[in-house]
Amino acid sequence: MINFGEALTKAQKQQGVTTKDLSQRLGVHRQQLEGWRKHTDIKLSTAVKIADALGLEIFELMELGK
């Protein structure tokens, strides 16, 4: 099973993107992004948007959550 929150945390660290920067790229509040980081799963459409904002393919992002 993939842990999305773990994948998001690792991806941000790898890409050097802060929560503030990523939330601005996505057009959401920082609290929303922090909430996603606490979830093990998430809507695919949301995960794709996050991957795009981080400059990753969805499969690259998901691989980080294994």
N, C-alpha and C. Protein backbone atom coordinates (compact mmCIF):
# COMPACT_ATOMS: atom_id res chain seq x y z
N MET A 1 0.83 -1.18 0.00
CA MET A 1 0.00 0.00 0.00
C MET A 1 0.88 1.25 0.00
N ILE A 2 0.42 2.26 -0.65
CA ILE A 2 1.15 3.51 -0.76
C ILE A 2 0.66 4.48 0.31
N ASN A 3 1.59 5.12 1.00
CA ASN A 3 1.26 6.13 1.99
C ASN A 3 1.47 7.49 1.34
N PHE A 4 0.38 8.16 0.97
CA PHE A 4 0.49 9.42 0.25
C PHE A 4 1.19 10.49 1.07
N GLY A 5 0.87 10.59 2.35
CA GLY A 5 1.49 11.61 3.19
C GLY A 5 3.00 11.48 3.22
N GLU A 6 3.48 10.25 3.30
CA GLU A 6 4.92 9.99 3.29
C GLU A 6 5.51 10.38 1.94
N ALA A 7 4.82 10.04 0.87
CA ALA A 7 5.29 10.38 -0.47
C ALA A 7 5.39 11.90 -0.65
N LEU A 8 4.39 12.61 -0.18
CA LEU A 8 4.39 14.07 -0.29
C LEU A 8 5.54 14.68 0.49
N THR A 9 5.74 14.21 1.69
CA THR A 9 6.84 14.73 2.52
C THR A 9 8.19 14.49 1.86
N LYS A 10 8.42 13.28 1.37
CA LYS A 10 9.68 12.95 0.72
C LYS A 10 9.88 13.76 -0.56
N ALA A 11 8.81 13.91 -1.34
CA ALA A 11 8.90 14.65 -2.60
C ALA A 11 9.26 16.11 -2.34
N GLN A 12 8.63 16.70 -1.35
CA GLN A 12 8.94 18.10 -1.03
C GLN A 12 10.39 18.26 -0.63
N LYS A 13 10.90 17.34 0.17
CA LYS A 13 12.30 17.41 0.59
C LYS A 13 13.23 17.24 -0.60
N GLN A 14 12.94 16.26 -1.46
CA GLN A 14 13.77 16.01 -2.64
C GLN A 14 13.79 17.21 -3.58
N GLN A 15 12.64 17.85 -3.75
CA GLN A 15 12.53 18.97 -4.68
C GLN A 15 12.90 20.30 -4.04
N GLY A 16 13.06 20.31 -2.72
CA GLY A 16 13.40 21.54 -2.02
C GLY A 16 12.27 22.57 -2.04
N VAL A 17 11.04 22.07 -1.95
CA VAL A 17 9.86 22.93 -2.02
C VAL A 17 9.23 23.02 -0.64
N THR A 18 9.06 24.23 -0.13
CA THR A 18 8.44 24.41 1.18
C THR A 18 6.93 24.22 1.08
N THR A 19 6.31 24.02 2.22
CA THR A 19 4.85 23.89 2.27
C THR A 19 4.20 25.17 1.77
N LYS A 20 4.75 26.31 2.15
CA LYS A 20 4.21 27.59 1.70
C LYS A 20 4.27 27.71 0.18
N ASP A 21 5.42 27.38 -0.40
CA ASP A 21 5.58 27.46 -1.86
C ASP A 21 4.63 26.51 -2.58
N LEU A 22 4.56 25.28 -2.10
CA LEU A 22 3.70 24.30 -2.76
C LEU A 22 2.23 24.68 -2.64
N SER A 23 1.84 25.17 -1.48
CA SER A 23 0.44 25.57 -1.33
C SER A 23 0.10 26.72 -2.27
N GLN A 24 1.03 27.63 -2.48
CA GLN A 24 0.81 28.73 -3.42
C GLN A 24 0.70 28.21 -4.85
N ARG A 25 1.56 27.27 -5.22
CA ARG A 25 1.50 26.67 -6.56
C ARG A 25 0.16 25.99 -6.82
N LEU A 26 -0.38 25.36 -5.77
CA LEU A 26 -1.63 24.62 -5.90
C LEU A 26 -2.86 25.49 -5.68
N GLY A 27 -2.66 26.67 -5.13
CA GLY A 27 -3.79 27.56 -4.86
C GLY A 27 -4.64 27.10 -3.69
N VAL A 28 -3.99 26.49 -2.68
CA VAL A 28 -4.70 26.04 -1.49
C VAL A 28 -4.02 26.63 -0.25
N HIS A 29 -4.71 26.57 0.88
CA HIS A 29 -4.13 27.02 2.13
C HIS A 29 -3.09 26.01 2.61
N ARG A 30 -2.12 26.49 3.35
CA ARG A 30 -1.09 25.61 3.91
C ARG A 30 -1.70 24.51 4.76
N GLN A 31 -2.78 24.84 5.46
CA GLN A 31 -3.43 23.85 6.32
C GLN A 31 -3.98 22.68 5.50
N GLN A 32 -4.45 22.96 4.29
CA GLN A 32 -4.95 21.89 3.42
C GLN A 32 -3.81 20.95 3.05
N LEU A 33 -2.69 21.51 2.68
CA LEU A 33 -1.53 20.71 2.32
C LEU A 33 -1.05 19.89 3.51
N GLU A 34 -1.02 20.50 4.68
CA GLU A 34 -0.63 19.78 5.89
C GLU A 34 -1.60 18.65 6.20
N GLY A 35 -2.88 18.85 5.90
CA GLY A 35 -3.87 17.79 6.07
C GLY A 35 -3.62 16.62 5.13
N TRP A 36 -3.28 16.91 3.90
CA TRP A 36 -2.97 15.85 2.94
C TRP A 36 -1.77 15.05 3.40
N ARG A 37 -0.82 15.71 4.04
CA ARG A 37 0.38 15.04 4.49
C ARG A 37 0.06 14.02 5.58
N LYS A 38 -1.06 14.17 6.26
CA LYS A 38 -1.45 13.26 7.34
C LYS A 38 -2.26 12.06 6.82
N HIS A 39 -2.62 12.07 5.54
CA HIS A 39 -3.45 10.99 4.98
C HIS A 39 -2.58 9.93 4.30
N THR A 40 -3.07 8.70 4.38
CA THR A 40 -2.39 7.63 3.67
C THR A 40 -2.89 7.53 2.23
N ASP A 41 -4.12 7.99 1.99
CA ASP A 41 -4.65 7.96 0.63
C ASP A 41 -5.27 9.32 0.30
N ILE A 42 -5.51 9.52 -1.00
CA ILE A 42 -5.99 10.81 -1.49
C ILE A 42 -6.61 10.59 -2.86
N LYS A 43 -7.44 11.51 -3.31
CA LYS A 43 -8.02 11.40 -4.65
C LYS A 43 -6.90 11.43 -5.69
N LEU A 44 -7.05 10.62 -6.72
CA LEU A 44 -6.05 10.57 -7.78
C LEU A 44 -5.88 11.93 -8.44
N SER A 45 -6.97 12.63 -8.68
CA SER A 45 -6.89 13.94 -9.35
C SER A 45 -6.07 14.93 -8.51
N THR A 46 -6.20 14.86 -7.20
CA THR A 46 -5.43 15.73 -6.32
C THR A 46 -3.96 15.34 -6.35
N ALA A 47 -3.69 14.05 -6.31
CA ALA A 47 -2.31 13.57 -6.36
C ALA A 47 -1.63 13.99 -7.66
N VAL A 48 -2.35 13.95 -8.76
CA VAL A 48 -1.79 14.36 -10.05
C VAL A 48 -1.45 15.85 -10.03
N LYS A 49 -2.32 16.67 -9.46
CA LYS A 49 -2.05 18.11 -9.37
C LYS A 49 -0.82 18.38 -8.52
N ILE A 50 -0.69 17.66 -7.43
CA ILE A 50 0.46 17.83 -6.55
C ILE A 50 1.74 17.39 -7.26
N ALA A 51 1.69 16.27 -7.93
CA ALA A 51 2.86 15.79 -8.68
C ALA A 51 3.28 16.83 -9.72
N ASP A 52 2.32 17.36 -10.45
CA ASP A 52 2.62 18.39 -11.46
C ASP A 52 3.27 19.61 -10.83
N ALA A 53 2.74 20.04 -9.68
CA ALA A 53 3.28 21.22 -9.00
C ALA A 53 4.70 20.99 -8.51
N LEU A 54 5.04 19.73 -8.27
CA LEU A 54 6.39 19.38 -7.83
C LEU A 54 7.31 19.03 -9.00
N GLY A 55 6.77 19.04 -10.21
CA GLY A 55 7.58 18.71 -11.38
C GLY A 55 7.86 17.23 -11.50
N LEU A 56 6.94 16.40 -10.98
CA LEU A 56 7.11 14.95 -11.01
C LEU A 56 5.99 14.29 -11.80
N GLU A 57 6.25 13.10 -12.26
CA GLU A 57 5.19 12.26 -12.82
C GLU A 57 4.47 11.62 -11.64
N ILE A 58 3.21 11.31 -11.80
CA ILE A 58 2.43 10.73 -10.70
C ILE A 58 3.07 9.43 -10.19
N PHE A 59 3.64 8.66 -11.07
CA PHE A 59 4.25 7.40 -10.67
C PHE A 59 5.50 7.64 -9.83
N GLU A 60 6.25 8.70 -10.13
CA GLU A 60 7.42 9.05 -9.33
C GLU A 60 7.00 9.42 -7.91
N LEU A 61 5.94 10.21 -7.81
CA LEU A 61 5.44 10.63 -6.50
C LEU A 61 4.96 9.42 -5.71
N MET A 62 4.19 8.56 -6.32
CA MET A 62 3.64 7.40 -5.63
C MET A 62 4.75 6.44 -5.19
N GLU A 63 5.79 6.33 -5.96
CA GLU A 63 6.91 5.44 -5.62
C GLU A 63 7.54 5.85 -4.28
N LEU A 64 7.50 7.13 -3.97
CA LEU A 64 8.09 7.62 -2.73
C LEU A 64 7.30 7.20 -1.49
N GLY A 65 6.06 6.79 -1.69
CA GLY A 65 5.21 6.40 -0.58
C GLY A 65 5.23 4.92 -0.25
N LYS A 66 6.08 4.17 -0.91
CA LYS A 66 6.14 2.72 -0.66
C LYS A 66 7.02 2.41 0.52
